[in-house]
Amino acid sequence: MREADRLCLTQLHTLFEDVLPPWLASYKSEEGANSRHRIYTPLVTLWAFLSQTLDADGSCRRAVTRVQTLCSALKLPLPDEDTGAYFTARARLPIKLLLRLHSHIVGKLGEMPREGRRVLVMDGAATRMPESKENAAVYMQAPQKKPGCGFPLMPLLGLFDLHNGIWVAAVKSKGRAHDALLAWRMLRHLRKGDILLADRAFGSYAFIAAC
């Protein structure tokens, strides 16, 4: 990650091209968000977003600086230093593109040789949602917060491969569902011979028998 932090966007593409699908280089968004000719195309935005997640600083300003460096090298008009355009473009990244990329990367890294059985880790978490009336009507707030204070939380359950760190799958819930309830939706991602590592929240006899 320290090395990746110093790379520009074109170098990041070279670094990760072995696990990325070949169709990514020619990807074009469907009509709609980010489909017009602009600096922050879906691909430029995707690479800027990736650089931001690898950056210890993690700021939008650093991501915009990388896009400016790329545009300067390609003799293209430089985007404004203001991060608003990048922030908007990032929010408009097609979810279908991200899901296709994730599915391809999981399959690609899953083909790598390994010794022994596949060891998967399952655990629950929650992500903070934007504060809006629509989200507040669907998602619960943290139990220690007073009514009307704080942000809505989306419960999540993730499944990871310990061998290579792959995020295999995640499921979400609209209400405050217990992790054990979400775990049943993970069964389809398990294979014969897998070892599933989880805490006592998932230790029901019924779930163990299903596994």
N, C-alpha and C. Protein backbone atom coordinates (compact mmCIF):
# COMPACT_ATOMS: atom_id res chain seq x y z
N MET A 1 0.82 -1.20 0.00
CA MET A 1 0.00 0.00 0.00
C MET A 1 0.86 1.26 0.00
N ARG A 2 2.00 1.22 0.69
CA ARG A 2 2.89 2.38 0.69
C ARG A 2 3.44 2.63 -0.71
N GLU A 3 3.77 1.53 -1.43
CA GLU A 3 4.27 1.70 -2.79
C GLU A 3 3.16 2.21 -3.72
N ALA A 4 1.96 1.66 -3.57
CA ALA A 4 0.85 2.07 -4.42
C ALA A 4 0.49 3.53 -4.20
N ASP A 5 0.72 4.04 -3.00
CA ASP A 5 0.40 5.42 -2.68
C ASP A 5 1.20 6.39 -3.54
N ARG A 6 2.37 5.95 -4.02
CA ARG A 6 3.23 6.84 -4.80
C ARG A 6 3.00 6.69 -6.30
N LEU A 7 2.13 5.80 -6.70
CA LEU A 7 1.92 5.55 -8.12
C LEU A 7 0.84 6.46 -8.70
N CYS A 8 1.00 6.79 -9.96
CA CYS A 8 -0.05 7.55 -10.64
C CYS A 8 -1.10 6.57 -11.16
N LEU A 9 -2.16 7.09 -11.77
CA LEU A 9 -3.28 6.23 -12.16
C LEU A 9 -2.89 5.21 -13.22
N THR A 10 -2.06 5.61 -14.20
CA THR A 10 -1.67 4.66 -15.25
C THR A 10 -0.80 3.54 -14.68
N GLN A 11 0.02 3.85 -13.68
CA GLN A 11 0.85 2.82 -13.05
C GLN A 11 0.00 1.87 -12.22
N LEU A 12 -1.06 2.39 -11.61
CA LEU A 12 -1.97 1.52 -10.87
C LEU A 12 -2.62 0.51 -11.81
N HIS A 13 -2.97 0.96 -13.01
CA HIS A 13 -3.58 0.06 -13.99
C HIS A 13 -2.62 -1.08 -14.32
N THR A 14 -1.33 -0.75 -14.49
CA THR A 14 -0.33 -1.78 -14.79
C THR A 14 -0.16 -2.73 -13.62
N LEU A 15 -0.23 -2.20 -12.40
CA LEU A 15 -0.03 -3.01 -11.20
C LEU A 15 -1.13 -4.05 -11.03
N PHE A 16 -2.37 -3.68 -11.37
CA PHE A 16 -3.51 -4.54 -11.10
C PHE A 16 -4.08 -5.22 -12.35
N GLU A 17 -3.45 -5.05 -13.51
CA GLU A 17 -4.06 -5.54 -14.74
C GLU A 17 -4.19 -7.06 -14.79
N ASP A 18 -3.37 -7.80 -14.03
CA ASP A 18 -3.44 -9.25 -14.07
C ASP A 18 -4.73 -9.80 -13.46
N VAL A 19 -5.35 -9.05 -12.57
CA VAL A 19 -6.57 -9.53 -11.93
C VAL A 19 -7.80 -8.79 -12.43
N LEU A 20 -7.62 -7.85 -13.35
CA LEU A 20 -8.76 -7.09 -13.86
C LEU A 20 -9.26 -7.68 -15.17
N PRO A 21 -10.54 -7.56 -15.46
CA PRO A 21 -11.08 -8.12 -16.70
C PRO A 21 -10.60 -7.34 -17.92
N PRO A 22 -10.39 -8.01 -19.04
CA PRO A 22 -9.92 -7.31 -20.24
C PRO A 22 -10.91 -6.30 -20.79
N TRP A 23 -12.20 -6.49 -20.50
CA TRP A 23 -13.21 -5.57 -21.03
C TRP A 23 -13.20 -4.22 -20.32
N LEU A 24 -12.47 -4.11 -19.21
CA LEU A 24 -12.50 -2.86 -18.46
C LEU A 24 -11.91 -1.70 -19.26
N ALA A 25 -10.86 -1.98 -20.03
CA ALA A 25 -10.19 -0.90 -20.78
C ALA A 25 -11.10 -0.26 -21.81
N SER A 26 -12.07 -1.01 -22.31
CA SER A 26 -12.97 -0.49 -23.34
C SER A 26 -14.37 -0.25 -22.79
N TYR A 27 -14.50 -0.22 -21.47
CA TYR A 27 -15.83 -0.06 -20.86
C TYR A 27 -16.41 1.30 -21.18
N LYS A 28 -17.68 1.31 -21.55
CA LYS A 28 -18.41 2.55 -21.78
C LYS A 28 -19.72 2.46 -21.02
N SER A 29 -20.03 3.53 -20.32
CA SER A 29 -21.25 3.54 -19.53
C SER A 29 -22.46 3.62 -20.43
N GLU A 30 -23.57 3.06 -19.96
CA GLU A 30 -24.82 3.19 -20.68
C GLU A 30 -25.28 4.64 -20.61
N GLU A 31 -26.24 4.99 -21.45
CA GLU A 31 -26.75 6.35 -21.44
C GLU A 31 -27.24 6.69 -20.04
N GLY A 32 -26.86 7.85 -19.57
CA GLY A 32 -27.28 8.26 -18.23
C GLY A 32 -26.11 8.89 -17.52
N ALA A 33 -25.96 8.59 -16.25
CA ALA A 33 -24.92 9.21 -15.45
C ALA A 33 -23.54 8.92 -16.00
N ASN A 34 -22.71 9.97 -16.11
CA ASN A 34 -21.33 9.87 -16.55
C ASN A 34 -21.20 9.37 -17.99
N SER A 35 -22.26 9.42 -18.80
CA SER A 35 -22.18 8.89 -20.16
C SER A 35 -21.68 9.94 -21.15
N ARG A 36 -21.78 11.21 -20.80
CA ARG A 36 -21.32 12.25 -21.69
C ARG A 36 -19.80 12.37 -21.64
N HIS A 37 -19.23 13.03 -22.63
CA HIS A 37 -17.78 13.22 -22.68
C HIS A 37 -17.40 14.22 -21.57
N ARG A 38 -16.61 13.81 -20.63
CA ARG A 38 -16.19 14.66 -19.53
C ARG A 38 -14.90 14.09 -18.96
N ILE A 39 -14.27 14.88 -18.09
CA ILE A 39 -13.01 14.43 -17.50
C ILE A 39 -13.23 13.22 -16.61
N TYR A 40 -14.23 13.30 -15.74
CA TYR A 40 -14.48 12.21 -14.81
C TYR A 40 -15.41 11.17 -15.44
N THR A 41 -14.86 10.45 -16.41
CA THR A 41 -15.58 9.31 -16.98
C THR A 41 -15.63 8.20 -15.93
N PRO A 42 -16.47 7.18 -16.12
CA PRO A 42 -16.51 6.10 -15.14
C PRO A 42 -15.14 5.46 -14.89
N LEU A 43 -14.32 5.29 -15.94
CA LEU A 43 -13.03 4.65 -15.76
C LEU A 43 -12.06 5.53 -14.98
N VAL A 44 -11.99 6.81 -15.33
CA VAL A 44 -11.11 7.73 -14.60
C VAL A 44 -11.55 7.81 -13.14
N THR A 45 -12.86 7.88 -12.93
CA THR A 45 -13.38 7.96 -11.57
C THR A 45 -13.07 6.69 -10.79
N LEU A 46 -13.19 5.53 -11.46
CA LEU A 46 -12.90 4.25 -10.80
C LEU A 46 -11.45 4.20 -10.34
N TRP A 47 -10.51 4.58 -11.21
CA TRP A 47 -9.10 4.53 -10.85
C TRP A 47 -8.76 5.55 -9.78
N ALA A 48 -9.39 6.72 -9.85
CA ALA A 48 -9.17 7.72 -8.81
C ALA A 48 -9.68 7.22 -7.47
N PHE A 49 -10.83 6.53 -7.50
CA PHE A 49 -11.42 5.98 -6.28
C PHE A 49 -10.51 4.89 -5.70
N LEU A 50 -9.97 4.03 -6.58
CA LEU A 50 -9.05 2.98 -6.12
C LEU A 50 -7.82 3.60 -5.48
N SER A 51 -7.27 4.63 -6.12
CA SER A 51 -6.10 5.29 -5.55
C SER A 51 -6.42 5.90 -4.19
N GLN A 52 -7.63 6.38 -4.03
CA GLN A 52 -8.04 6.98 -2.76
C GLN A 52 -8.12 5.94 -1.66
N THR A 53 -8.62 4.74 -1.97
CA THR A 53 -8.72 3.69 -0.96
C THR A 53 -7.34 3.16 -0.56
N LEU A 54 -6.36 3.25 -1.46
CA LEU A 54 -5.00 2.79 -1.15
C LEU A 54 -4.17 3.86 -0.48
N ASP A 55 -4.67 5.08 -0.46
CA ASP A 55 -3.95 6.21 0.09
C ASP A 55 -4.16 6.28 1.59
N ALA A 56 -3.06 6.40 2.34
CA ALA A 56 -3.17 6.51 3.79
C ALA A 56 -3.94 7.76 4.19
N ASP A 57 -3.82 8.81 3.40
CA ASP A 57 -4.55 10.05 3.67
C ASP A 57 -6.04 9.88 3.35
N GLY A 58 -6.31 9.22 2.23
CA GLY A 58 -7.69 8.89 1.86
C GLY A 58 -8.56 10.08 1.51
N SER A 59 -7.97 11.20 1.16
CA SER A 59 -8.77 12.40 0.89
C SER A 59 -9.14 12.49 -0.58
N CYS A 60 -10.26 13.15 -0.84
CA CYS A 60 -10.68 13.39 -2.22
C CYS A 60 -9.69 14.32 -2.93
N ARG A 61 -9.08 15.23 -2.19
CA ARG A 61 -8.14 16.17 -2.81
C ARG A 61 -6.94 15.44 -3.40
N ARG A 62 -6.45 14.42 -2.70
CA ARG A 62 -5.32 13.65 -3.24
C ARG A 62 -5.73 12.92 -4.50
N ALA A 63 -6.96 12.40 -4.53
CA ALA A 63 -7.45 11.71 -5.72
C ALA A 63 -7.55 12.68 -6.90
N VAL A 64 -8.03 13.88 -6.65
CA VAL A 64 -8.13 14.88 -7.71
C VAL A 64 -6.74 15.26 -8.23
N THR A 65 -5.77 15.33 -7.33
CA THR A 65 -4.40 15.64 -7.75
C THR A 65 -3.86 14.59 -8.71
N ARG A 66 -4.18 13.31 -8.46
CA ARG A 66 -3.74 12.25 -9.36
C ARG A 66 -4.40 12.38 -10.74
N VAL A 67 -5.68 12.76 -10.75
CA VAL A 67 -6.36 12.97 -12.03
C VAL A 67 -5.73 14.15 -12.77
N GLN A 68 -5.36 15.20 -12.06
CA GLN A 68 -4.70 16.34 -12.69
C GLN A 68 -3.36 15.92 -13.30
N THR A 69 -2.61 15.07 -12.58
CA THR A 69 -1.34 14.57 -13.10
C THR A 69 -1.54 13.76 -14.37
N LEU A 70 -2.55 12.92 -14.38
CA LEU A 70 -2.86 12.11 -15.56
C LEU A 70 -3.23 13.00 -16.74
N CYS A 71 -4.10 13.98 -16.52
CA CYS A 71 -4.53 14.88 -17.60
C CYS A 71 -3.35 15.69 -18.13
N SER A 72 -2.46 16.11 -17.24
CA SER A 72 -1.29 16.87 -17.67
C SER A 72 -0.39 16.02 -18.56
N ALA A 73 -0.20 14.75 -18.19
CA ALA A 73 0.65 13.86 -19.00
C ALA A 73 0.04 13.59 -20.37
N LEU A 74 -1.29 13.57 -20.44
CA LEU A 74 -1.98 13.29 -21.71
C LEU A 74 -2.33 14.55 -22.47
N LYS A 75 -1.85 15.71 -21.99
CA LYS A 75 -2.12 17.00 -22.65
C LYS A 75 -3.62 17.29 -22.73
N LEU A 76 -4.34 16.94 -21.67
CA LEU A 76 -5.78 17.19 -21.61
C LEU A 76 -6.06 18.34 -20.65
N PRO A 77 -7.23 18.96 -20.77
CA PRO A 77 -7.59 20.03 -19.83
C PRO A 77 -7.58 19.51 -18.40
N LEU A 78 -7.04 20.31 -17.49
CA LEU A 78 -6.96 19.88 -16.10
C LEU A 78 -8.28 20.12 -15.38
N PRO A 79 -8.70 19.17 -14.57
CA PRO A 79 -9.91 19.41 -13.76
C PRO A 79 -9.64 20.44 -12.68
N ASP A 80 -10.68 21.07 -12.21
CA ASP A 80 -10.55 22.07 -11.16
C ASP A 80 -10.07 21.42 -9.87
N GLU A 81 -9.37 22.19 -9.05
CA GLU A 81 -8.89 21.66 -7.77
C GLU A 81 -10.03 21.34 -6.81
N ASP A 82 -11.17 21.94 -7.02
CA ASP A 82 -12.32 21.66 -6.17
C ASP A 82 -12.72 20.20 -6.31
N THR A 83 -13.03 19.56 -5.20
CA THR A 83 -13.32 18.12 -5.20
C THR A 83 -14.78 17.79 -5.50
N GLY A 84 -15.61 18.82 -5.68
CA GLY A 84 -17.04 18.59 -5.86
C GLY A 84 -17.36 17.73 -7.07
N ALA A 85 -16.69 17.99 -8.20
CA ALA A 85 -16.98 17.23 -9.42
C ALA A 85 -16.59 15.76 -9.26
N TYR A 86 -15.44 15.52 -8.63
CA TYR A 86 -15.01 14.13 -8.40
C TYR A 86 -15.96 13.43 -7.44
N PHE A 87 -16.35 14.13 -6.38
CA PHE A 87 -17.25 13.54 -5.39
C PHE A 87 -18.57 13.14 -6.03
N THR A 88 -19.09 14.00 -6.92
CA THR A 88 -20.35 13.70 -7.61
C THR A 88 -20.18 12.51 -8.55
N ALA A 89 -19.06 12.50 -9.29
CA ALA A 89 -18.81 11.40 -10.22
C ALA A 89 -18.64 10.07 -9.50
N ARG A 90 -18.01 10.11 -8.34
CA ARG A 90 -17.82 8.88 -7.56
C ARG A 90 -19.16 8.32 -7.09
N ALA A 91 -20.06 9.21 -6.69
CA ALA A 91 -21.38 8.77 -6.26
C ALA A 91 -22.20 8.19 -7.41
N ARG A 92 -21.84 8.56 -8.65
CA ARG A 92 -22.57 8.09 -9.82
C ARG A 92 -21.95 6.86 -10.47
N LEU A 93 -20.89 6.32 -9.88
CA LEU A 93 -20.29 5.12 -10.47
C LEU A 93 -21.35 4.04 -10.61
N PRO A 94 -21.49 3.45 -11.80
CA PRO A 94 -22.53 2.43 -11.99
C PRO A 94 -22.31 1.24 -11.06
N ILE A 95 -23.32 0.89 -10.29
CA ILE A 95 -23.20 -0.22 -9.35
C ILE A 95 -22.98 -1.53 -10.10
N LYS A 96 -23.53 -1.63 -11.33
CA LYS A 96 -23.32 -2.84 -12.12
C LYS A 96 -21.85 -3.02 -12.46
N LEU A 97 -21.15 -1.91 -12.72
CA LEU A 97 -19.72 -1.98 -13.02
C LEU A 97 -18.95 -2.51 -11.81
N LEU A 98 -19.25 -1.99 -10.63
CA LEU A 98 -18.54 -2.41 -9.43
C LEU A 98 -18.81 -3.88 -9.10
N LEU A 99 -20.06 -4.31 -9.29
CA LEU A 99 -20.40 -5.71 -9.00
C LEU A 99 -19.73 -6.66 -10.00
N ARG A 100 -19.69 -6.26 -11.28
CA ARG A 100 -19.01 -7.09 -12.29
C ARG A 100 -17.52 -7.20 -11.99
N LEU A 101 -16.92 -6.09 -11.59
CA LEU A 101 -15.50 -6.10 -11.25
C LEU A 101 -15.24 -7.01 -10.05
N HIS A 102 -16.08 -6.88 -9.04
CA HIS A 102 -15.90 -7.70 -7.84
C HIS A 102 -16.02 -9.18 -8.16
N SER A 103 -17.03 -9.53 -8.95
CA SER A 103 -17.24 -10.93 -9.30
C SER A 103 -16.04 -11.48 -10.07
N HIS A 104 -15.50 -10.68 -10.99
CA HIS A 104 -14.35 -11.14 -11.78
C HIS A 104 -13.12 -11.33 -10.89
N ILE A 105 -12.86 -10.37 -10.00
CA ILE A 105 -11.68 -10.43 -9.15
C ILE A 105 -11.76 -11.61 -8.19
N VAL A 106 -12.95 -11.86 -7.63
CA VAL A 106 -13.13 -13.01 -6.73
C VAL A 106 -12.82 -14.31 -7.47
N GLY A 107 -13.33 -14.43 -8.69
CA GLY A 107 -13.07 -15.63 -9.47
C GLY A 107 -11.60 -15.77 -9.85
N LYS A 108 -10.97 -14.64 -10.21
CA LYS A 108 -9.57 -14.67 -10.63
C LYS A 108 -8.64 -15.06 -9.47
N LEU A 109 -8.83 -14.43 -8.34
CA LEU A 109 -7.98 -14.74 -7.20
C LEU A 109 -8.32 -16.10 -6.60
N GLY A 110 -9.56 -16.54 -6.78
CA GLY A 110 -9.95 -17.85 -6.28
C GLY A 110 -9.27 -18.99 -7.02
N GLU A 111 -8.77 -18.71 -8.23
CA GLU A 111 -8.09 -19.72 -9.03
C GLU A 111 -6.63 -19.91 -8.61
N MET A 112 -6.13 -19.03 -7.77
CA MET A 112 -4.73 -19.14 -7.36
C MET A 112 -4.52 -20.41 -6.55
N PRO A 113 -3.36 -21.06 -6.73
CA PRO A 113 -3.10 -22.31 -6.00
C PRO A 113 -3.02 -22.07 -4.50
N ARG A 114 -3.47 -23.05 -3.73
CA ARG A 114 -3.41 -22.97 -2.28
C ARG A 114 -3.20 -24.37 -1.72
N GLU A 115 -2.75 -24.43 -0.49
CA GLU A 115 -2.57 -25.71 0.19
C GLU A 115 -3.67 -25.89 1.22
N GLY A 116 -4.24 -27.07 1.25
CA GLY A 116 -5.26 -27.36 2.24
C GLY A 116 -6.62 -26.80 1.88
N ARG A 117 -7.50 -26.77 2.85
CA ARG A 117 -8.87 -26.35 2.63
C ARG A 117 -8.99 -24.83 2.60
N ARG A 118 -10.11 -24.38 2.08
CA ARG A 118 -10.42 -22.96 2.09
C ARG A 118 -10.97 -22.57 3.46
N VAL A 119 -10.35 -21.57 4.09
CA VAL A 119 -10.79 -21.09 5.39
C VAL A 119 -11.47 -19.74 5.21
N LEU A 120 -12.75 -19.67 5.57
CA LEU A 120 -13.53 -18.46 5.41
C LEU A 120 -13.88 -17.88 6.79
N VAL A 121 -13.87 -16.56 6.87
CA VAL A 121 -14.22 -15.86 8.10
C VAL A 121 -15.52 -15.09 7.86
N MET A 122 -16.45 -15.22 8.78
CA MET A 122 -17.73 -14.54 8.67
C MET A 122 -17.95 -13.66 9.90
N ASP A 123 -18.33 -12.41 9.67
CA ASP A 123 -18.58 -11.52 10.80
C ASP A 123 -19.51 -10.39 10.37
N GLY A 124 -20.16 -9.81 11.35
CA GLY A 124 -21.11 -8.75 11.09
C GLY A 124 -20.52 -7.38 11.34
N ALA A 125 -21.14 -6.37 10.74
CA ALA A 125 -20.72 -4.98 10.91
C ALA A 125 -21.92 -4.11 10.56
N ALA A 126 -21.70 -2.82 10.52
CA ALA A 126 -22.75 -1.89 10.13
C ALA A 126 -22.10 -0.69 9.46
N THR A 127 -22.76 -0.14 8.45
CA THR A 127 -22.24 1.04 7.77
C THR A 127 -23.22 2.19 7.95
N ARG A 128 -22.67 3.37 8.14
CA ARG A 128 -23.49 4.55 8.40
C ARG A 128 -24.07 5.07 7.08
N MET A 129 -25.37 5.32 7.08
CA MET A 129 -26.07 5.79 5.90
C MET A 129 -26.26 7.31 5.95
N PRO A 130 -26.47 7.95 4.80
CA PRO A 130 -26.77 9.38 4.81
C PRO A 130 -28.02 9.68 5.64
N GLU A 131 -28.00 10.80 6.30
CA GLU A 131 -29.12 11.19 7.15
C GLU A 131 -30.24 11.77 6.29
N SER A 132 -31.27 10.99 6.06
CA SER A 132 -32.42 11.43 5.27
C SER A 132 -33.68 10.77 5.83
N LYS A 133 -34.82 11.35 5.51
CA LYS A 133 -36.09 10.79 5.99
C LYS A 133 -36.32 9.40 5.39
N GLU A 134 -35.90 9.21 4.12
CA GLU A 134 -36.09 7.92 3.46
C GLU A 134 -35.28 6.83 4.16
N ASN A 135 -34.01 7.13 4.48
CA ASN A 135 -33.18 6.14 5.16
C ASN A 135 -33.64 5.90 6.59
N ALA A 136 -34.06 6.97 7.26
CA ALA A 136 -34.52 6.83 8.64
C ALA A 136 -35.76 5.96 8.74
N ALA A 137 -36.56 5.94 7.66
CA ALA A 137 -37.77 5.12 7.67
C ALA A 137 -37.47 3.65 7.46
N VAL A 138 -36.28 3.35 6.91
CA VAL A 138 -35.93 1.96 6.58
C VAL A 138 -34.91 1.38 7.54
N TYR A 139 -33.91 2.19 7.91
CA TYR A 139 -32.79 1.69 8.72
C TYR A 139 -32.87 2.21 10.14
N MET A 140 -32.41 1.39 11.07
CA MET A 140 -32.44 1.74 12.49
C MET A 140 -31.23 2.62 12.84
N GLN A 141 -31.34 3.33 13.95
CA GLN A 141 -30.22 4.07 14.50
C GLN A 141 -29.52 3.24 15.56
N ALA A 142 -28.32 3.67 15.92
CA ALA A 142 -27.60 2.98 16.98
C ALA A 142 -28.43 3.00 18.26
N PRO A 143 -28.48 1.89 19.00
CA PRO A 143 -29.37 1.80 20.17
C PRO A 143 -29.05 2.82 21.26
N GLN A 144 -27.79 3.29 21.34
CA GLN A 144 -27.43 4.24 22.40
C GLN A 144 -27.78 5.68 22.05
N LYS A 145 -28.26 5.92 20.83
CA LYS A 145 -28.59 7.27 20.39
C LYS A 145 -30.02 7.62 20.77
N LYS A 146 -30.26 8.90 21.07
CA LYS A 146 -31.61 9.37 21.33
C LYS A 146 -32.38 9.44 20.02
N PRO A 147 -33.70 9.25 20.04
CA PRO A 147 -34.50 9.32 18.81
C PRO A 147 -34.28 10.64 18.07
N GLY A 148 -34.03 10.53 16.77
CA GLY A 148 -33.82 11.72 15.96
C GLY A 148 -32.38 12.19 15.92
N CYS A 149 -31.50 11.55 16.69
CA CYS A 149 -30.08 11.92 16.71
C CYS A 149 -29.24 10.78 16.11
N GLY A 150 -28.20 11.15 15.41
CA GLY A 150 -27.34 10.14 14.83
C GLY A 150 -27.75 9.77 13.43
N PHE A 151 -27.01 8.84 12.84
CA PHE A 151 -27.22 8.43 11.46
C PHE A 151 -27.83 7.03 11.41
N PRO A 152 -28.65 6.74 10.39
CA PRO A 152 -29.17 5.37 10.22
C PRO A 152 -28.03 4.40 9.92
N LEU A 153 -28.16 3.18 10.39
CA LEU A 153 -27.13 2.16 10.21
C LEU A 153 -27.68 0.99 9.40
N MET A 154 -26.90 0.55 8.41
CA MET A 154 -27.27 -0.63 7.62
C MET A 154 -26.49 -1.83 8.13
N PRO A 155 -27.16 -2.85 8.69
CA PRO A 155 -26.46 -4.06 9.14
C PRO A 155 -25.89 -4.83 7.94
N LEU A 156 -24.66 -5.30 8.10
CA LEU A 156 -23.98 -6.06 7.05
C LEU A 156 -23.39 -7.34 7.65
N LEU A 157 -23.26 -8.34 6.80
CA LEU A 157 -22.55 -9.56 7.17
C LEU A 157 -21.60 -9.89 6.04
N GLY A 158 -20.32 -10.00 6.37
CA GLY A 158 -19.30 -10.23 5.35
C GLY A 158 -18.67 -11.61 5.46
N LEU A 159 -18.20 -12.11 4.32
CA LEU A 159 -17.52 -13.40 4.24
C LEU A 159 -16.19 -13.20 3.52
N PHE A 160 -15.08 -13.56 4.18
CA PHE A 160 -13.75 -13.33 3.65
C PHE A 160 -12.95 -14.62 3.58
N ASP A 161 -12.06 -14.68 2.61
CA ASP A 161 -11.16 -15.81 2.43
C ASP A 161 -9.84 -15.48 3.12
N LEU A 162 -9.46 -16.26 4.13
CA LEU A 162 -8.24 -15.97 4.89
C LEU A 162 -6.97 -16.15 4.06
N HIS A 163 -7.02 -16.97 3.03
CA HIS A 163 -5.82 -17.25 2.25
C HIS A 163 -5.34 -16.03 1.48
N ASN A 164 -6.26 -15.32 0.87
CA ASN A 164 -5.86 -14.20 0.03
C ASN A 164 -6.58 -12.88 0.36
N GLY A 165 -7.39 -12.90 1.41
CA GLY A 165 -8.05 -11.67 1.80
C GLY A 165 -9.23 -11.27 0.95
N ILE A 166 -9.72 -12.15 0.08
CA ILE A 166 -10.83 -11.82 -0.80
C ILE A 166 -12.10 -11.61 -0.01
N TRP A 167 -12.80 -10.55 -0.31
CA TRP A 167 -14.17 -10.37 0.18
C TRP A 167 -15.05 -11.22 -0.73
N VAL A 168 -15.46 -12.36 -0.25
CA VAL A 168 -16.21 -13.31 -1.07
C VAL A 168 -17.64 -12.82 -1.29
N ALA A 169 -18.28 -12.37 -0.22
CA ALA A 169 -19.68 -11.96 -0.35
C ALA A 169 -20.06 -11.11 0.85
N ALA A 170 -21.15 -10.37 0.69
CA ALA A 170 -21.73 -9.61 1.79
C ALA A 170 -23.23 -9.55 1.60
N VAL A 171 -23.96 -9.56 2.68
CA VAL A 171 -25.41 -9.41 2.63
C VAL A 171 -25.80 -8.28 3.57
N LYS A 172 -26.91 -7.63 3.29
CA LYS A 172 -27.34 -6.50 4.09
C LYS A 172 -28.77 -6.73 4.58
N SER A 173 -29.16 -5.93 5.54
CA SER A 173 -30.50 -6.02 6.09
C SER A 173 -31.05 -4.62 6.29
N LYS A 174 -32.33 -4.45 6.08
CA LYS A 174 -32.95 -3.14 6.26
C LYS A 174 -33.22 -2.86 7.73
N GLY A 175 -33.65 -3.87 8.45
CA GLY A 175 -33.92 -3.69 9.86
C GLY A 175 -32.71 -4.05 10.70
N ARG A 176 -32.89 -4.09 12.02
CA ARG A 176 -31.80 -4.47 12.91
C ARG A 176 -31.78 -5.98 13.06
N ALA A 177 -31.45 -6.65 11.99
CA ALA A 177 -31.44 -8.12 12.00
C ALA A 177 -30.19 -8.63 12.70
N HIS A 178 -30.35 -9.71 13.45
CA HIS A 178 -29.21 -10.33 14.11
C HIS A 178 -28.32 -10.98 13.07
N ASP A 179 -27.00 -10.98 13.33
CA ASP A 179 -26.05 -11.57 12.39
C ASP A 179 -26.41 -13.02 12.05
N ALA A 180 -26.90 -13.75 13.05
CA ALA A 180 -27.22 -15.16 12.84
C ALA A 180 -28.34 -15.34 11.82
N LEU A 181 -29.23 -14.36 11.74
CA LEU A 181 -30.31 -14.44 10.76
C LEU A 181 -29.78 -14.22 9.35
N LEU A 182 -28.84 -13.30 9.21
CA LEU A 182 -28.23 -13.04 7.89
C LEU A 182 -27.34 -14.19 7.44
N ALA A 183 -26.82 -14.96 8.39
CA ALA A 183 -25.86 -16.03 8.06
C ALA A 183 -26.45 -17.08 7.14
N TRP A 184 -27.76 -17.31 7.22
CA TRP A 184 -28.37 -18.32 6.37
C TRP A 184 -28.24 -17.96 4.89
N ARG A 185 -28.14 -16.69 4.59
CA ARG A 185 -28.01 -16.26 3.20
C ARG A 185 -26.58 -16.45 2.69
N MET A 186 -25.66 -16.83 3.56
CA MET A 186 -24.27 -17.07 3.16
C MET A 186 -24.02 -18.52 2.77
N LEU A 187 -24.95 -19.40 3.07
CA LEU A 187 -24.71 -20.83 2.84
C LEU A 187 -24.40 -21.14 1.38
N ARG A 188 -25.00 -20.39 0.47
CA ARG A 188 -24.79 -20.69 -0.96
C ARG A 188 -23.37 -20.38 -1.42
N HIS A 189 -22.61 -19.65 -0.61
CA HIS A 189 -21.23 -19.33 -0.98
C HIS A 189 -20.23 -20.33 -0.43
N LEU A 190 -20.70 -21.29 0.36
CA LEU A 190 -19.80 -22.29 0.94
C LEU A 190 -19.67 -23.49 0.02
N ARG A 191 -18.50 -24.09 0.02
CA ARG A 191 -18.24 -25.29 -0.79
C ARG A 191 -17.94 -26.47 0.14
N LYS A 192 -18.08 -27.65 -0.40
CA LYS A 192 -17.76 -28.85 0.37
C LYS A 192 -16.28 -28.82 0.76
N GLY A 193 -16.00 -29.04 2.04
CA GLY A 193 -14.62 -29.04 2.52
C GLY A 193 -14.17 -27.72 3.11
N ASP A 194 -14.97 -26.66 2.98
CA ASP A 194 -14.61 -25.37 3.54
C ASP A 194 -14.58 -25.43 5.07
N ILE A 195 -13.75 -24.59 5.67
CA ILE A 195 -13.74 -24.37 7.11
C ILE A 195 -14.28 -22.97 7.35
N LEU A 196 -15.36 -22.87 8.11
CA LEU A 196 -15.98 -21.58 8.38
C LEU A 196 -15.64 -21.14 9.80
N LEU A 197 -15.03 -19.96 9.92
CA LEU A 197 -14.62 -19.41 11.20
C LEU A 197 -15.56 -18.26 11.56
N ALA A 198 -16.22 -18.38 12.71
CA ALA A 198 -17.17 -17.35 13.14
C ALA A 198 -17.26 -17.37 14.66
N ASP A 199 -17.78 -16.29 15.25
CA ASP A 199 -17.86 -16.22 16.70
C ASP A 199 -19.15 -16.88 17.21
N ARG A 200 -19.38 -16.78 18.50
CA ARG A 200 -20.49 -17.51 19.12
C ARG A 200 -21.86 -16.98 18.71
N ALA A 201 -21.92 -15.83 18.04
CA ALA A 201 -23.21 -15.31 17.58
C ALA A 201 -23.86 -16.25 16.56
N PHE A 202 -23.05 -17.10 15.94
CA PHE A 202 -23.55 -17.99 14.90
C PHE A 202 -23.62 -19.44 15.38
N GLY A 203 -23.51 -19.66 16.67
CA GLY A 203 -23.36 -21.02 17.17
C GLY A 203 -24.66 -21.75 17.45
N SER A 204 -25.67 -21.59 16.63
CA SER A 204 -26.90 -22.34 16.84
C SER A 204 -26.77 -23.74 16.25
N TYR A 205 -27.46 -24.70 16.85
CA TYR A 205 -27.40 -26.08 16.36
C TYR A 205 -27.94 -26.18 14.93
N ALA A 206 -28.99 -25.40 14.64
CA ALA A 206 -29.61 -25.47 13.32
C ALA A 206 -28.64 -24.99 12.24
N PHE A 207 -27.93 -23.88 12.50
CA PHE A 207 -27.00 -23.36 11.50
C PHE A 207 -25.79 -24.29 11.32
N ILE A 208 -25.30 -24.81 12.43
CA ILE A 208 -24.17 -25.76 12.34
C ILE A 208 -24.58 -27.00 11.54
N ALA A 209 -25.79 -27.49 11.77
CA ALA A 209 -26.27 -28.65 11.03
C ALA A 209 -26.42 -28.31 9.54
N ALA A 210 -26.88 -27.10 9.24
CA ALA A 210 -27.02 -26.70 7.83
C ALA A 210 -25.65 -26.62 7.16
N CYS A 211 -24.66 -26.14 7.90
CA CYS A 211 -23.30 -26.09 7.33
C CYS A 211 -22.77 -27.50 7.06
